[in-house]
Amino acid sequence: MRLRTFIAANMAEAIDQVRRELGSDAIIVSSFTNDAGRMEVTAAIETARPEPAGAGGPTGDLPEIEASLEQLFRDRLRATPPQTRNPSGHSGIEFDETLIAEALDAQGVPAKLRDALVAASKALGHDDAVAALARALETRLGFEPVPTLPLTPIMLVGLPGSGKTVTMAKLAANAVMEEAQVELYTTDTERAGAAAQCESYGQLLGLQVHPAENAEALTRLLQTSARSMTQAPRPRFIDTTSVNPFDRTDFAILKRLTDTARLVANAEPVLTLSATGDATLLAEVACTFAQLGARRIIATHVDISRRIGPLLAAADASRLSLAQISVTPYLARGLGSMNPTICARLILDTHEMRAEAKSLSASS
């Protein structure tokens, strides 16, 4: 199967591109409006072209669809850079405190936080629901995306199954797309399959993954890396072993690792948090990981949970900033930055679409 991504002003133009490049037998795999307001369509076509003898290279051992993603990265490089759309325009959703309360309830926001956000939105006296909610979110929560090219190492920490490894790969992919020299490290060297998964992502990106079985090994790698940087710092991303934060022994080992990396290279722990958890549990988890010196959350599995209320509760309780959000497992989609307006739109637009779908269902 051959995969290509096409970016156009609208769906019709994108389909025209698909037909010209891949032919009439191509099928649309996915489509969405990107941050620049343009339609991004991924299409596929079956191909029987044989691989040359001895073909393989860095992606030769990967599943075929994964191996095709490198082309998607290159396609995205040609995309129009994100622009602010109608910064002074009205969102089209009139302010209504009942609407905002219902939208927050639908997202699973705990009652205390919901009431605080509704009150803050109302106090602003704004007739635009998105603008009012965005301002309320901004006053209550922090928003701070991880830079595409961070100056200090980023360490991904989190619960088992939170998506740390793929999140590291997505961060690295964004940096690779900026033509940066990226370094990847993993301390998850004992869990079955973990090293192979990390290596697969490294191969896909054309990057070597450096294993570090303990804090001492990671120290040596980071020190060696620092000595080799003669010009601008290189983005460095570190995948860590998943831990149960309520297991004192496991958490103490992780804390020693993060403390060492911070001392040696000013590394920053970033919490990878799955949106599929309960609000109370995620708040406790975030508060515990904050003890490592983490100050940001990257949210994952939002496409599965379809709700961000528990994430907002976790950020509110821990005082960690919301950094990025992941709504797809595909590396080519990367991570979307979170800011108050994006967050408000996610809450209200989703609610509006659900209400419209319910109305259409009732009338049919």
Protein backbone atom coordinates (compact mmCIF):
# COMPACT_ATOMS: atom_id res chain seq x y z
CA MET A 1 0.00 0.00 0.00
CA ARG A 2 1.22 3.48 -0.90
CA LEU A 3 0.23 6.40 1.34
CA ARG A 4 0.34 10.11 0.51
CA THR A 5 -0.87 13.22 2.30
CA PHE A 6 -2.34 16.11 0.29
CA ILE A 7 -2.95 19.62 1.60
CA ALA A 8 -5.37 21.98 -0.12
CA ALA A 9 -7.72 24.88 0.51
CA ASN A 10 -10.76 22.61 0.63
CA MET A 11 -11.86 19.00 0.26
CA ALA A 12 -12.66 19.28 -3.45
CA GLU A 13 -9.17 20.54 -4.29
CA ALA A 14 -7.61 17.84 -2.12
CA ILE A 15 -9.56 15.11 -3.92
CA ASP A 16 -8.46 16.54 -7.28
CA GLN A 17 -4.84 16.26 -6.10
CA VAL A 18 -5.44 12.67 -4.98
CA ARG A 19 -6.89 11.69 -8.35
CA ARG A 20 -4.04 13.35 -10.28
CA GLU A 21 -1.27 11.82 -8.18
CA LEU A 22 -2.66 8.40 -7.26
CA GLY A 23 -5.40 7.79 -9.82
CA SER A 24 -9.08 6.98 -9.57
CA ASP A 25 -8.52 3.79 -7.54
CA ALA A 26 -7.13 5.70 -4.55
CA ILE A 27 -9.13 5.69 -1.34
CA ILE A 28 -9.35 8.40 1.32
CA VAL A 29 -7.90 7.11 4.60
CA SER A 30 -8.45 10.21 6.72
CA SER A 31 -9.16 13.92 6.44
CA PHE A 32 -9.12 16.86 8.82
CA THR A 33 -8.63 20.61 8.95
CA ASN A 34 -5.09 21.41 10.10
CA ASP A 35 -3.88 24.28 12.29
CA ALA A 36 -3.51 26.49 9.21
CA GLY A 37 -7.19 26.06 8.36
CA ARG A 38 -6.38 23.92 5.30
CA MET A 39 -7.78 20.51 4.46
CA GLU A 40 -5.26 17.69 5.01
CA VAL A 41 -6.19 14.40 3.34
CA THR A 42 -4.33 11.11 3.57
CA ALA A 43 -5.02 8.75 0.68
CA ALA A 44 -3.88 5.23 -0.10
CA ILE A 45 -3.60 3.02 -3.13
CA GLU A 46 -2.69 -0.63 -3.42
CA THR A 47 0.53 -1.22 -5.29
CA ALA A 48 2.08 -4.43 -6.52
CA ARG A 49 5.47 -2.93 -7.20
CA PRO A 50 8.11 -5.38 -5.97
CA GLU A 51 10.86 -4.18 -3.67
CA PRO A 52 14.35 -4.21 -5.17
CA ALA A 53 16.54 -7.07 -4.09
CA GLY A 54 18.16 -6.34 -0.77
CA ALA A 55 15.86 -3.40 -0.09
CA GLY A 56 15.39 -2.51 3.50
CA GLY A 57 17.21 0.48 4.89
CA PRO A 58 16.18 2.08 8.12
CA THR A 59 12.50 1.25 7.70
CA GLY A 60 12.83 -2.18 6.14
CA ASP A 61 11.76 -4.08 9.25
CA LEU A 62 8.77 -1.89 10.02
CA PRO A 63 5.13 -2.45 9.06
CA GLU A 64 4.44 -1.06 5.61
CA ILE A 65 2.14 1.74 6.72
CA GLU A 66 4.61 2.88 9.38
CA ALA A 67 7.39 2.88 6.80
CA SER A 68 5.31 5.12 4.54
CA LEU A 69 5.02 7.81 7.17
CA GLU A 70 8.39 9.31 6.36
CA GLN A 71 6.89 10.58 3.12
CA LEU A 72 4.08 12.14 5.13
CA PHE A 73 6.63 14.08 7.15
CA ARG A 74 8.11 15.48 3.96
CA ASP A 75 4.67 16.38 2.62
CA ARG A 76 3.91 18.35 5.76
CA LEU A 77 7.07 20.37 5.29
CA ARG A 78 5.44 21.90 2.23
CA ALA A 79 2.30 22.89 4.14
CA THR A 80 1.39 26.52 4.69
CA PRO A 81 2.56 27.61 8.16
CA PRO A 82 -0.20 28.00 10.76
CA GLN A 83 -1.92 31.36 10.79
CA THR A 84 -4.31 32.90 13.26
CA ARG A 85 -7.79 32.75 11.82
CA ASN A 86 -10.01 35.78 12.40
CA PRO A 87 -8.35 36.74 15.69
CA SER A 88 -10.89 39.51 16.30
CA GLY A 89 -13.90 37.72 14.83
CA HIS A 90 -16.81 36.11 16.68
CA SER A 91 -16.76 32.34 17.04
CA GLY A 92 -20.40 32.09 16.09
CA ILE A 93 -21.37 30.62 19.46
CA GLU A 94 -23.28 33.14 21.59
CA PHE A 95 -22.47 33.30 25.27
CA ASP A 96 -24.85 31.33 27.46
CA GLU A 97 -23.76 30.20 30.89
CA THR A 98 -26.07 27.19 30.71
CA LEU A 99 -24.46 26.16 27.41
CA ILE A 100 -20.97 26.45 28.93
CA ALA A 101 -22.00 24.49 32.02
CA GLU A 102 -23.53 21.73 29.89
CA ALA A 103 -20.46 21.60 27.64
CA LEU A 104 -18.14 21.29 30.64
CA ASP A 105 -20.37 18.58 32.12
CA ALA A 106 -20.27 16.69 28.84
CA GLN A 107 -16.47 16.80 28.99
CA GLY A 108 -16.48 15.28 32.48
CA VAL A 109 -15.21 18.39 34.27
CA PRO A 110 -15.68 18.01 38.05
CA ALA A 111 -18.46 20.16 39.51
CA LYS A 112 -16.23 22.47 41.54
CA LEU A 113 -14.00 23.30 38.59
CA ARG A 114 -17.03 23.58 36.27
CA ASP A 115 -18.72 26.13 38.54
CA ALA A 116 -15.50 28.16 38.83
CA LEU A 117 -15.07 28.28 35.04
CA VAL A 118 -18.71 29.19 34.44
CA ALA A 119 -18.52 31.99 37.02
CA ALA A 120 -15.30 33.34 35.51
CA SER A 121 -16.79 33.21 32.01
CA LYS A 122 -19.89 35.08 33.11
CA ALA A 123 -17.89 37.75 34.95
CA LEU A 124 -16.14 38.76 31.74
CA GLY A 125 -19.36 40.00 30.17
CA HIS A 126 -18.34 38.71 26.74
CA ASP A 127 -20.97 37.84 24.11
CA ASP A 128 -18.70 35.21 22.50
CA ALA A 129 -18.85 31.88 24.34
CA VAL A 130 -15.48 30.68 23.04
CA ALA A 131 -13.70 33.90 23.97
CA ALA A 132 -15.31 33.96 27.42
CA LEU A 133 -14.47 30.34 28.20
CA ALA A 134 -10.94 30.74 26.81
CA ARG A 135 -10.31 33.68 29.13
CA ALA A 136 -11.71 31.74 32.09
CA LEU A 137 -9.46 28.79 31.28
CA GLU A 138 -6.48 31.10 30.99
CA THR A 139 -7.08 32.58 34.44
CA ARG A 140 -7.50 29.16 36.05
CA LEU A 141 -5.03 26.89 34.21
CA GLY A 142 -1.58 27.12 32.69
CA PHE A 143 -0.79 26.52 29.01
CA GLU A 144 2.82 26.02 27.91
CA PRO A 145 3.64 23.88 24.85
CA VAL A 146 6.93 22.01 24.70
CA PRO A 147 9.06 23.83 22.09
CA THR A 148 9.68 22.10 18.78
CA LEU A 149 13.42 22.56 19.37
CA PRO A 150 13.87 22.45 23.16
CA LEU A 151 17.18 23.77 24.46
CA THR A 152 17.36 21.20 27.26
CA PRO A 153 16.52 17.47 27.27
CA ILE A 154 12.86 16.51 27.61
CA MET A 155 12.14 13.41 29.73
CA LEU A 156 8.79 11.70 29.21
CA VAL A 157 7.41 10.24 32.45
CA GLY A 158 4.08 8.62 33.21
CA LEU A 159 1.94 5.61 34.01
CA PRO A 160 2.15 2.32 32.11
CA GLY A 161 0.24 2.60 28.83
CA SER A 162 0.20 6.40 28.82
CA GLY A 163 1.93 6.59 25.42
CA LYS A 164 5.33 7.92 26.46
CA THR A 165 7.30 6.21 23.70
CA VAL A 166 5.08 7.32 20.83
CA THR A 167 4.90 10.81 22.36
CA MET A 168 8.69 10.97 22.37
CA ALA A 169 8.67 9.88 18.72
CA LYS A 170 6.14 12.59 17.84
CA LEU A 171 8.21 15.27 19.54
CA ALA A 172 11.27 13.99 17.72
CA ALA A 173 9.38 13.92 14.40
CA ASN A 174 8.48 17.60 14.78
CA ALA A 175 12.13 18.43 15.39
CA VAL A 176 13.27 16.29 12.45
CA MET A 177 10.85 18.18 10.22
CA GLU A 178 12.74 21.33 11.21
CA GLU A 179 15.91 19.59 9.99
CA ALA A 180 17.37 19.48 13.49
CA GLN A 181 19.89 16.89 14.62
CA VAL A 182 17.88 14.97 17.20
CA GLU A 183 19.08 12.56 19.86
CA LEU A 184 16.89 9.88 21.42
CA TYR A 185 17.50 8.02 24.69
CA THR A 186 15.58 5.35 26.53
CA THR A 187 15.89 4.07 30.09
CA ASP A 188 13.12 1.51 29.46
CA THR A 189 15.58 -1.29 28.77
CA GLU A 190 14.09 -4.20 30.75
CA ARG A 191 10.38 -4.28 29.85
CA ALA A 192 9.61 -6.88 27.17
CA GLY A 193 9.22 -5.27 23.76
CA ALA A 194 9.96 -1.74 24.99
CA ALA A 195 13.41 -1.50 23.42
CA ALA A 196 12.14 -2.92 20.11
CA GLN A 197 9.29 -0.40 20.00
CA CYS A 198 11.64 2.49 20.67
CA GLU A 199 14.10 1.21 18.07
CA SER A 200 11.31 0.96 15.49
CA TYR A 201 10.39 4.60 15.93
CA GLY A 202 14.05 5.53 15.81
CA GLN A 203 14.49 3.66 12.53
CA LEU A 204 11.44 5.36 11.07
CA LEU A 205 12.93 8.76 11.90
CA GLY A 206 16.41 7.77 10.82
CA LEU A 207 17.71 8.22 14.38
CA GLN A 208 19.74 6.03 16.68
CA VAL A 209 18.20 5.30 20.07
CA HIS A 210 20.73 5.28 22.91
CA PRO A 211 19.83 2.88 25.75
CA ALA A 212 20.66 3.76 29.37
CA GLU A 213 19.99 1.05 31.92
CA ASN A 214 20.38 3.33 34.95
CA ALA A 215 21.07 6.90 36.11
CA GLU A 216 24.83 6.48 35.79
CA ALA A 217 24.58 5.31 32.17
CA LEU A 218 22.24 8.19 31.32
CA THR A 219 24.69 10.61 32.92
CA ARG A 220 27.52 9.37 30.72
CA LEU A 221 25.39 9.66 27.58
CA LEU A 222 24.23 13.18 28.37
CA GLN A 223 27.74 14.32 29.25
CA THR A 224 29.14 12.86 26.04
CA SER A 225 26.35 14.54 24.08
CA ALA A 226 27.04 17.91 25.71
CA ARG A 227 30.75 17.73 24.86
CA SER A 228 29.94 17.03 21.20
CA MET A 229 27.72 20.10 20.82
CA THR A 230 30.04 22.66 19.30
CA GLN A 231 27.30 24.90 17.94
CA ALA A 232 23.57 25.12 18.72
CA PRO A 233 22.11 22.63 21.23
CA ARG A 234 20.51 19.56 19.69
CA PRO A 235 16.97 18.53 20.72
CA ARG A 236 17.22 15.55 23.07
CA PHE A 237 14.29 13.39 24.13
CA ILE A 238 14.37 10.71 26.82
CA ASP A 239 11.85 7.89 27.21
CA THR A 240 11.68 6.52 30.77
CA THR A 241 10.36 3.34 32.33
CA SER A 242 6.68 3.57 33.22
CA VAL A 243 6.03 3.53 36.95
CA ASN A 244 3.20 3.28 39.43
CA PRO A 245 3.57 6.62 41.24
CA PHE A 246 2.04 5.12 44.37
CA ASP A 247 4.76 2.46 44.59
CA ARG A 248 7.40 4.16 46.73
CA THR A 249 10.28 2.01 45.51
CA ASP A 250 9.58 2.45 41.78
CA PHE A 251 8.90 6.14 42.19
CA ALA A 252 12.11 6.67 44.16
CA ILE A 253 14.12 5.07 41.33
CA LEU A 254 12.46 7.36 38.78
CA LYS A 255 13.04 10.40 40.99
CA ARG A 256 16.73 9.58 41.26
CA LEU A 257 16.86 9.33 37.47
CA THR A 258 15.10 12.65 36.88
CA ASP A 259 17.13 14.42 39.59
CA THR A 260 20.35 13.16 38.02
CA ALA A 261 19.34 14.22 34.51
CA ARG A 262 18.34 17.64 35.77
CA LEU A 263 21.65 18.06 37.59
CA VAL A 264 23.73 16.88 34.62
CA ALA A 265 21.86 18.49 31.72
CA ASN A 266 19.00 20.54 33.17
CA ALA A 267 16.57 17.94 31.79
CA GLU A 268 12.86 18.62 32.22
CA PRO A 269 10.43 15.83 33.17
CA VAL A 270 7.17 16.14 31.21
CA LEU A 271 4.16 14.11 32.32
CA THR A 272 2.47 12.03 29.61
CA LEU A 273 -1.10 11.55 30.81
CA SER A 274 -3.81 9.46 29.19
CA ALA A 275 -7.24 11.08 28.98
CA THR A 276 -8.93 7.73 29.57
CA GLY A 277 -8.57 7.91 33.36
CA ASP A 278 -10.91 9.04 36.11
CA ALA A 279 -10.69 12.73 37.10
CA THR A 280 -9.86 11.98 40.74
CA LEU A 281 -7.19 9.44 39.83
CA LEU A 282 -5.58 11.66 37.19
CA ALA A 283 -5.45 14.55 39.65
CA GLU A 284 -3.65 12.35 42.20
CA VAL A 285 -1.27 11.04 39.54
CA ALA A 286 -0.44 14.53 38.28
CA CYS A 287 0.18 15.82 41.81
CA THR A 288 2.55 12.93 42.49
CA PHE A 289 4.53 13.34 39.25
CA ALA A 290 4.80 17.06 39.95
CA GLN A 291 7.14 16.05 42.79
CA LEU A 292 9.67 15.08 40.12
CA GLY A 293 9.87 18.69 39.00
CA ALA A 294 7.46 18.24 36.10
CA ARG A 295 5.64 21.41 35.11
CA ARG A 296 3.84 20.33 31.93
CA ILE A 297 1.35 17.70 30.78
CA ILE A 298 1.10 16.16 27.32
CA ALA A 299 -2.36 14.62 26.98
CA THR A 300 -2.77 11.37 25.05
CA HIS A 301 -5.63 9.07 23.99
CA VAL A 302 -8.06 11.97 23.66
CA ASP A 303 -9.48 10.27 20.57
CA ILE A 304 -10.40 7.28 22.74
CA SER A 305 -11.81 9.12 25.76
CA ARG A 306 -13.43 11.92 23.67
CA ARG A 307 -13.37 14.01 26.86
CA ILE A 308 -10.79 16.31 28.38
CA GLY A 309 -12.49 17.02 31.71
CA PRO A 310 -10.25 14.65 33.70
CA LEU A 311 -7.18 16.31 32.13
CA LEU A 312 -8.40 19.75 33.15
CA ALA A 313 -8.96 18.43 36.67
CA ALA A 314 -5.43 17.00 36.76
CA ALA A 315 -3.90 20.27 35.57
CA ASP A 316 -5.95 22.28 38.05
CA ALA A 317 -5.06 20.09 41.03
CA SER A 318 -1.35 19.77 40.24
CA ARG A 319 -0.78 23.28 38.82
CA LEU A 320 0.93 21.67 35.83
CA SER A 321 0.50 23.45 32.51
CA LEU A 322 -1.23 21.81 29.55
CA ALA A 323 1.36 21.52 26.81
CA GLN A 324 0.22 19.39 23.87
CA ILE A 325 -2.62 17.07 23.01
CA SER A 326 -2.47 13.85 20.99
CA VAL A 327 -5.61 12.60 19.25
CA THR A 328 -4.09 10.00 16.93
CA PRO A 329 -1.48 7.24 17.10
CA TYR A 330 0.07 8.30 13.79
CA LEU A 331 3.41 10.07 14.01
CA ALA A 332 2.66 12.19 10.95
CA ARG A 333 -0.18 13.89 12.81
CA GLY A 334 2.21 14.76 15.63
CA LEU A 335 0.99 16.71 18.62
CA GLY A 336 -1.32 19.69 18.70
CA SER A 337 -0.37 22.59 20.94
CA MET A 338 -2.85 23.49 23.65
CA ASN A 339 -3.77 27.08 24.42
CA PRO A 340 -6.89 28.58 26.04
CA THR A 341 -8.68 29.21 22.73
CA ILE A 342 -8.00 25.74 21.33
CA CYS A 343 -9.14 24.23 24.62
CA ALA A 344 -12.35 26.30 24.65
CA ARG A 345 -13.10 25.42 21.04
CA LEU A 346 -12.53 21.74 21.75
CA ILE A 347 -15.04 21.89 24.60
CA LEU A 348 -17.73 24.00 22.91
CA ASP A 349 -17.41 22.83 19.30
CA THR A 350 -17.60 19.19 20.41
CA HIS A 351 -20.69 19.98 22.46
CA GLU A 352 -22.32 21.80 19.55
CA MET A 353 -21.62 18.91 17.19
CA ARG A 354 -23.04 16.38 19.65
CA ALA A 355 -26.17 18.49 20.11
CA GLU A 356 -26.61 18.79 16.34
CA ALA A 357 -26.14 15.04 15.87
CA LYS A 358 -28.70 14.35 18.61
CA SER A 359 -31.16 16.74 16.98
CA LEU A 360 -30.74 15.12 13.57
CA SER A 361 -31.16 11.67 15.08
CA ALA A 362 -34.37 12.71 16.82
CA SER A 363 -35.86 14.20 13.66
CA SER A 364 -35.07 11.22 11.43
